[in-house]
Amino acid sequence: MTGPSRRRKRSGGILVPVDGSRLSERAIAAAERLAVPARRPIILLHVLPPINPGRAARVDETSARAALDRAYAEASRYLERLQQRLERRGRTVRTVVRSGQQAADEILACARAERVDLIAMSSHGRSGLQRVLLGSVAQAVVRNARLPVLLSPGPREAVGARGRRGG
């Protein structure tokens, strides 16, 4: 038999990538609102950048591994604090720490591995030339995801052109 019946069922979960900023955590509130009626689990993800190759060349392998271990431990503690806060409100939460060159690729890989139904994330509000020069994790996730992505707008995006003073 082929087709949808052979596919693994999705978890119904909501993946929320966070980077330690308050802005990235704004998406948690949206995920909570969506998770409650369906009792969906919330999966919090933090993506660590790989060790800088230029810097790694000056550091022995043991030191580089220790630095990565410290970064994982710090990210795990951060996610654990968020998890505890959500669990006190009755939410089901899992945490994931990943490391990779491109945050968007790691977010999408985690979404596939966790079989989530939705990615809820914040956009940092970059626009125009800044987005072209710096790239946009949210833009890459939206463009390449094979599931719905809910974006919580950054401050600039939420205000919009008409909301600015003096304009």
C-alpha atoms as a PDB file:
ATOM      1  CA  MET A   1       0.000   0.000   0.000  1.00  0.00           C
ATOM      2  CA  THR A   2       1.311   3.450  -0.840  1.00  0.00           C
ATOM      3  CA  GLY A   3       0.274   7.006  -0.163  1.00  0.00           C
ATOM      4  CA  PRO A   4      -0.581   8.883   3.018  1.00  0.00           C
ATOM      5  CA  SER A   5      -1.431   5.764   5.039  1.00  0.00           C
ATOM      6  CA  ARG A   6       2.238   4.706   4.967  1.00  0.00           C
ATOM      7  CA  ARG A   7       3.494   8.046   6.273  1.00  0.00           C
ATOM      8  CA  ARG A   8       4.316   8.384   9.923  1.00  0.00           C
ATOM      9  CA  LYS A   9       1.744  10.382  11.803  1.00  0.00           C
ATOM     10  CA  ARG A  10       2.754  13.845  12.956  1.00  0.00           C
ATOM     11  CA  SER A  11       3.035  14.493  16.696  1.00  0.00           C
ATOM     12  CA  GLY A  12       0.647  17.422  16.610  1.00  0.00           C
ATOM     13  CA  GLY A  13       3.367  19.392  18.348  1.00  0.00           C
ATOM     14  CA  ILE A  14       4.402  22.978  17.838  1.00  0.00           C
ATOM     15  CA  LEU A  15       8.095  23.758  17.341  1.00  0.00           C
ATOM     16  CA  VAL A  16       9.234  27.075  18.821  1.00  0.00           C
ATOM     17  CA  PRO A  17      12.825  28.078  17.995  1.00  0.00           C
ATOM     18  CA  VAL A  18      14.254  30.504  20.582  1.00  0.00           C
ATOM     19  CA  ASP A  19      17.626  32.237  20.639  1.00  0.00           C
ATOM     20  CA  GLY A  20      17.705  33.745  24.117  1.00  0.00           C
ATOM     21  CA  SER A  21      16.183  37.076  23.104  1.00  0.00           C
ATOM     22  CA  ARG A  22      12.867  38.337  24.429  1.00  0.00           C
ATOM     23  CA  LEU A  23      11.766  38.833  20.860  1.00  0.00           C
ATOM     24  CA  SER A  24      12.264  35.160  20.015  1.00  0.00           C
ATOM     25  CA  GLU A  25      10.254  34.203  23.104  1.00  0.00           C
ATOM     26  CA  ARG A  26       7.226  36.158  21.839  1.00  0.00           C
ATOM     27  CA  ALA A  27       6.300  33.155  19.710  1.00  0.00           C
ATOM     28  CA  ILE A  28       5.885  31.035  22.852  1.00  0.00           C
ATOM     29  CA  ALA A  29       2.670  32.877  23.766  1.00  0.00           C
ATOM     30  CA  ALA A  30       1.206  32.190  20.326  1.00  0.00           C
ATOM     31  CA  ALA A  31       2.230  28.531  20.559  1.00  0.00           C
ATOM     32  CA  GLU A  32       0.597  28.263  23.991  1.00  0.00           C
ATOM     33  CA  ARG A  33      -2.702  29.609  22.678  1.00  0.00           C
ATOM     34  CA  LEU A  34      -2.673  27.067  19.862  1.00  0.00           C
ATOM     35  CA  ALA A  35      -1.465  24.186  22.029  1.00  0.00           C
ATOM     36  CA  VAL A  36      -4.125  24.430  24.736  1.00  0.00           C
ATOM     37  CA  PRO A  37      -7.311  23.388  22.895  1.00  0.00           C
ATOM     38  CA  ALA A  38      -5.678  20.372  21.238  1.00  0.00           C
ATOM     39  CA  ARG A  39      -3.289  19.530  24.106  1.00  0.00           C
ATOM     40  CA  ARG A  40      -0.394  19.766  21.684  1.00  0.00           C
ATOM     41  CA  PRO A  41       3.144  19.473  23.022  1.00  0.00           C
ATOM     42  CA  ILE A  42       5.425  22.479  22.643  1.00  0.00           C
ATOM     43  CA  ILE A  43       8.961  21.693  21.511  1.00  0.00           C
ATOM     44  CA  LEU A  44      11.436  24.440  22.389  1.00  0.00           C
ATOM     45  CA  LEU A  45      14.522  24.519  20.157  1.00  0.00           C
ATOM     46  CA  HIS A  46      17.784  26.404  20.579  1.00  0.00           C
ATOM     47  CA  VAL A  47      20.308  26.276  17.732  1.00  0.00           C
ATOM     48  CA  LEU A  48      23.966  26.801  18.582  1.00  0.00           C
ATOM     49  CA  PRO A  49      26.372  28.041  15.938  1.00  0.00           C
ATOM     50  CA  PRO A  50      29.301  25.730  15.264  1.00  0.00           C
ATOM     51  CA  ILE A  51      32.689  26.610  16.669  1.00  0.00           C
ATOM     52  CA  ASN A  52      34.255  29.318  14.507  1.00  0.00           C
ATOM     53  CA  PRO A  53      36.780  27.546  12.242  1.00  0.00           C
ATOM     54  CA  GLY A  54      39.245  30.444  12.440  1.00  0.00           C
ATOM     55  CA  ARG A  55      39.079  30.403  16.191  1.00  0.00           C
ATOM     56  CA  ALA A  56      39.128  26.610  16.382  1.00  0.00           C
ATOM     57  CA  ALA A  57      42.456  26.533  14.546  1.00  0.00           C
ATOM     58  CA  ARG A  58      44.025  28.365  17.498  1.00  0.00           C
ATOM     59  CA  VAL A  59      42.483  26.067  20.072  1.00  0.00           C
ATOM     60  CA  ASP A  60      43.272  22.433  20.697  1.00  0.00           C
ATOM     61  CA  GLU A  61      40.527  19.852  20.221  1.00  0.00           C
ATOM     62  CA  THR A  62      40.003  19.358  23.960  1.00  0.00           C
ATOM     63  CA  SER A  63      39.439  23.079  24.524  1.00  0.00           C
ATOM     64  CA  ALA A  64      37.099  23.302  21.538  1.00  0.00           C
ATOM     65  CA  ARG A  65      35.079  20.345  22.829  1.00  0.00           C
ATOM     66  CA  ALA A  66      34.924  21.914  26.296  1.00  0.00           C
ATOM     67  CA  ALA A  67      33.653  25.184  24.799  1.00  0.00           C
ATOM     68  CA  LEU A  68      30.960  23.333  22.864  1.00  0.00           C
ATOM     69  CA  ASP A  69      29.970  21.367  25.972  1.00  0.00           C
ATOM     70  CA  ARG A  70      29.645  24.639  27.936  1.00  0.00           C
ATOM     71  CA  ALA A  71      27.504  26.149  25.173  1.00  0.00           C
ATOM     72  CA  TYR A  72      25.224  23.083  25.163  1.00  0.00           C
ATOM     73  CA  ALA A  73      24.934  23.194  28.962  1.00  0.00           C
ATOM     74  CA  GLU A  74      24.075  26.911  28.914  1.00  0.00           C
ATOM     75  CA  ALA A  75      21.480  26.402  26.160  1.00  0.00           C
ATOM     76  CA  SER A  76      19.991  23.464  28.064  1.00  0.00           C
ATOM     77  CA  ARG A  77      19.672  25.552  31.249  1.00  0.00           C
ATOM     78  CA  TYR A  78      17.989  28.352  29.287  1.00  0.00           C
ATOM     79  CA  LEU A  79      15.490  25.934  27.722  1.00  0.00           C
ATOM     80  CA  GLU A  80      14.899  24.255  31.080  1.00  0.00           C
ATOM     81  CA  ARG A  81      13.894  27.613  32.619  1.00  0.00           C
ATOM     82  CA  LEU A  82      11.402  28.178  29.797  1.00  0.00           C
ATOM     83  CA  GLN A  83      10.158  24.595  30.098  1.00  0.00           C
ATOM     84  CA  GLN A  84       9.555  24.913  33.843  1.00  0.00           C
ATOM     85  CA  ARG A  85       7.637  28.161  33.339  1.00  0.00           C
ATOM     86  CA  LEU A  86       5.380  26.527  30.746  1.00  0.00           C
ATOM     87  CA  GLU A  87       4.906  23.313  32.722  1.00  0.00           C
ATOM     88  CA  ARG A  88       3.772  25.337  35.760  1.00  0.00           C
ATOM     89  CA  ARG A  89       0.954  26.530  33.480  1.00  0.00           C
ATOM     90  CA  GLY A  90       0.062  22.948  32.591  1.00  0.00           C
ATOM     91  CA  ARG A  91       1.767  22.702  29.206  1.00  0.00           C
ATOM     92  CA  THR A  92       3.538  19.625  27.862  1.00  0.00           C
ATOM     93  CA  VAL A  93       7.030  20.695  26.814  1.00  0.00           C
ATOM     94  CA  ARG A  94      10.133  19.071  25.360  1.00  0.00           C
ATOM     95  CA  THR A  95      13.446  20.771  24.666  1.00  0.00           C
ATOM     96  CA  VAL A  96      16.019  20.269  21.927  1.00  0.00           C
ATOM     97  CA  VAL A  97      19.490  21.772  21.481  1.00  0.00           C
ATOM     98  CA  ARG A  98      21.088  21.476  18.050  1.00  0.00           C
ATOM     99  CA  SER A  99      24.226  22.885  16.489  1.00  0.00           C
ATOM    100  CA  GLY A 100      24.700  23.807  12.864  1.00  0.00           C
ATOM    101  CA  GLN A 101      26.015  26.263  10.324  1.00  0.00           C
ATOM    102  CA  GLN A 102      22.545  27.484   9.271  1.00  0.00           C
ATOM    103  CA  ALA A 103      19.882  28.007  11.931  1.00  0.00           C
ATOM    104  CA  ALA A 104      17.067  27.661   9.379  1.00  0.00           C
ATOM    105  CA  ASP A 105      18.348  24.249   8.268  1.00  0.00           C
ATOM    106  CA  GLU A 106      18.501  23.070  11.887  1.00  0.00           C
ATOM    107  CA  ILE A 107      14.974  24.353  12.570  1.00  0.00           C
ATOM    108  CA  LEU A 108      13.628  22.486   9.544  1.00  0.00           C
ATOM    109  CA  ALA A 109      15.564  19.315  10.437  1.00  0.00           C
ATOM    110  CA  CYS A 110      14.173  19.437  13.975  1.00  0.00           C
ATOM    111  CA  ALA A 111      10.639  19.948  12.632  1.00  0.00           C
ATOM    112  CA  ARG A 112      11.050  16.799  10.522  1.00  0.00           C
ATOM    113  CA  ALA A 113      12.600  14.779  13.358  1.00  0.00           C
ATOM    114  CA  GLU A 114       9.905  15.809  15.850  1.00  0.00           C
ATOM    115  CA  ARG A 115       7.112  15.399  13.248  1.00  0.00           C
ATOM    116  CA  VAL A 116       5.484  18.683  14.315  1.00  0.00           C
ATOM    117  CA  ASP A 117       2.396  20.221  12.709  1.00  0.00           C
ATOM    118  CA  LEU A 118       3.493  23.839  13.044  1.00  0.00           C
ATOM    119  CA  ILE A 119       6.549  26.035  13.535  1.00  0.00           C
ATOM    120  CA  ALA A 120       5.881  29.188  15.580  1.00  0.00           C
ATOM    121  CA  MET A 121       8.715  31.699  15.561  1.00  0.00           C
ATOM    122  CA  SER A 122       9.475  35.379  15.773  1.00  0.00           C
ATOM    123  CA  SER A 123      10.771  37.519  12.979  1.00  0.00           C
ATOM    124  CA  HIS A 124      13.461  39.974  14.007  1.00  0.00           C
ATOM    125  CA  GLY A 125      11.899  42.734  11.945  1.00  0.00           C
ATOM    126  CA  ARG A 126      14.662  43.237   9.407  1.00  0.00           C
ATOM    127  CA  SER A 127      13.593  44.729   6.144  1.00  0.00           C
ATOM    128  CA  GLY A 128      14.977  45.995   2.874  1.00  0.00           C
ATOM    129  CA  LEU A 129      18.751  46.090   2.511  1.00  0.00           C
ATOM    130  CA  GLN A 130      19.313  44.774   6.030  1.00  0.00           C
ATOM    131  CA  ARG A 131      17.405  41.567   5.180  1.00  0.00           C
ATOM    132  CA  VAL A 132      19.328  41.167   1.911  1.00  0.00           C
ATOM    133  CA  LEU A 133      22.710  41.668   3.584  1.00  0.00           C
ATOM    134  CA  LEU A 134      22.083  39.744   6.775  1.00  0.00           C
ATOM    135  CA  GLY A 135      19.650  37.144   5.539  1.00  0.00           C
ATOM    136  CA  SER A 136      16.625  36.077   7.484  1.00  0.00           C
ATOM    137  CA  VAL A 137      16.236  32.822   9.364  1.00  0.00           C
ATOM    138  CA  ALA A 138      12.467  33.267   9.432  1.00  0.00           C
ATOM    139  CA  GLN A 139      12.367  33.964   5.704  1.00  0.00           C
ATOM    140  CA  ALA A 140      14.386  30.808   4.962  1.00  0.00           C
ATOM    141  CA  VAL A 141      12.165  28.703   7.227  1.00  0.00           C
ATOM    142  CA  VAL A 142       8.973  30.008   5.611  1.00  0.00           C
ATOM    143  CA  ARG A 143      10.384  29.478   2.119  1.00  0.00           C
ATOM    144  CA  ASN A 144      11.548  25.892   2.747  1.00  0.00           C
ATOM    145  CA  ALA A 145       9.086  24.489   5.290  1.00  0.00           C
ATOM    146  CA  ARG A 146       6.643  21.821   4.219  1.00  0.00           C
ATOM    147  CA  LEU A 147       4.280  22.702   7.034  1.00  0.00           C
ATOM    148  CA  PRO A 148       2.645  25.893   8.309  1.00  0.00           C
ATOM    149  CA  VAL A 149       4.856  28.552   9.906  1.00  0.00           C
ATOM    150  CA  LEU A 150       3.359  31.135  12.260  1.00  0.00           C
ATOM    151  CA  LEU A 151       5.477  34.301  12.486  1.00  0.00           C
ATOM    152  CA  SER A 152       5.232  36.680  15.428  1.00  0.00           C
ATOM    153  CA  PRO A 153       6.277  40.039  14.019  1.00  0.00           C
ATOM    154  CA  GLY A 154       9.182  42.026  15.384  1.00  0.00           C
ATOM    155  CA  PRO A 155       8.588  45.543  16.742  1.00  0.00           C
ATOM    156  CA  ARG A 156       9.130  47.320  13.403  1.00  0.00           C
ATOM    157  CA  GLU A 157       6.843  44.970  11.543  1.00  0.00           C
ATOM    158  CA  ALA A 158       4.118  45.301  14.170  1.00  0.00           C
ATOM    159  CA  VAL A 159       4.114  49.114  14.035  1.00  0.00           C
ATOM    160  CA  GLY A 160       4.152  49.459  10.258  1.00  0.00           C
ATOM    161  CA  ALA A 161       4.691  52.621   8.249  1.00  0.00           C
ATOM    162  CA  ARG A 162       1.519  54.391   9.385  1.00  0.00           C
ATOM    163  CA  GLY A 163       2.191  53.740  13.060  1.00  0.00           C
ATOM    164  CA  ARG A 164       5.403  55.775  13.146  1.00  0.00           C
ATOM    165  CA  ARG A 165       5.322  59.154  14.814  1.00  0.00           C
ATOM    166  CA  GLY A 166       5.732  62.170  12.665  1.00  0.00           C
ATOM    167  CA  GLY A 167       4.739  60.307   9.506  1.00  0.00           C
END
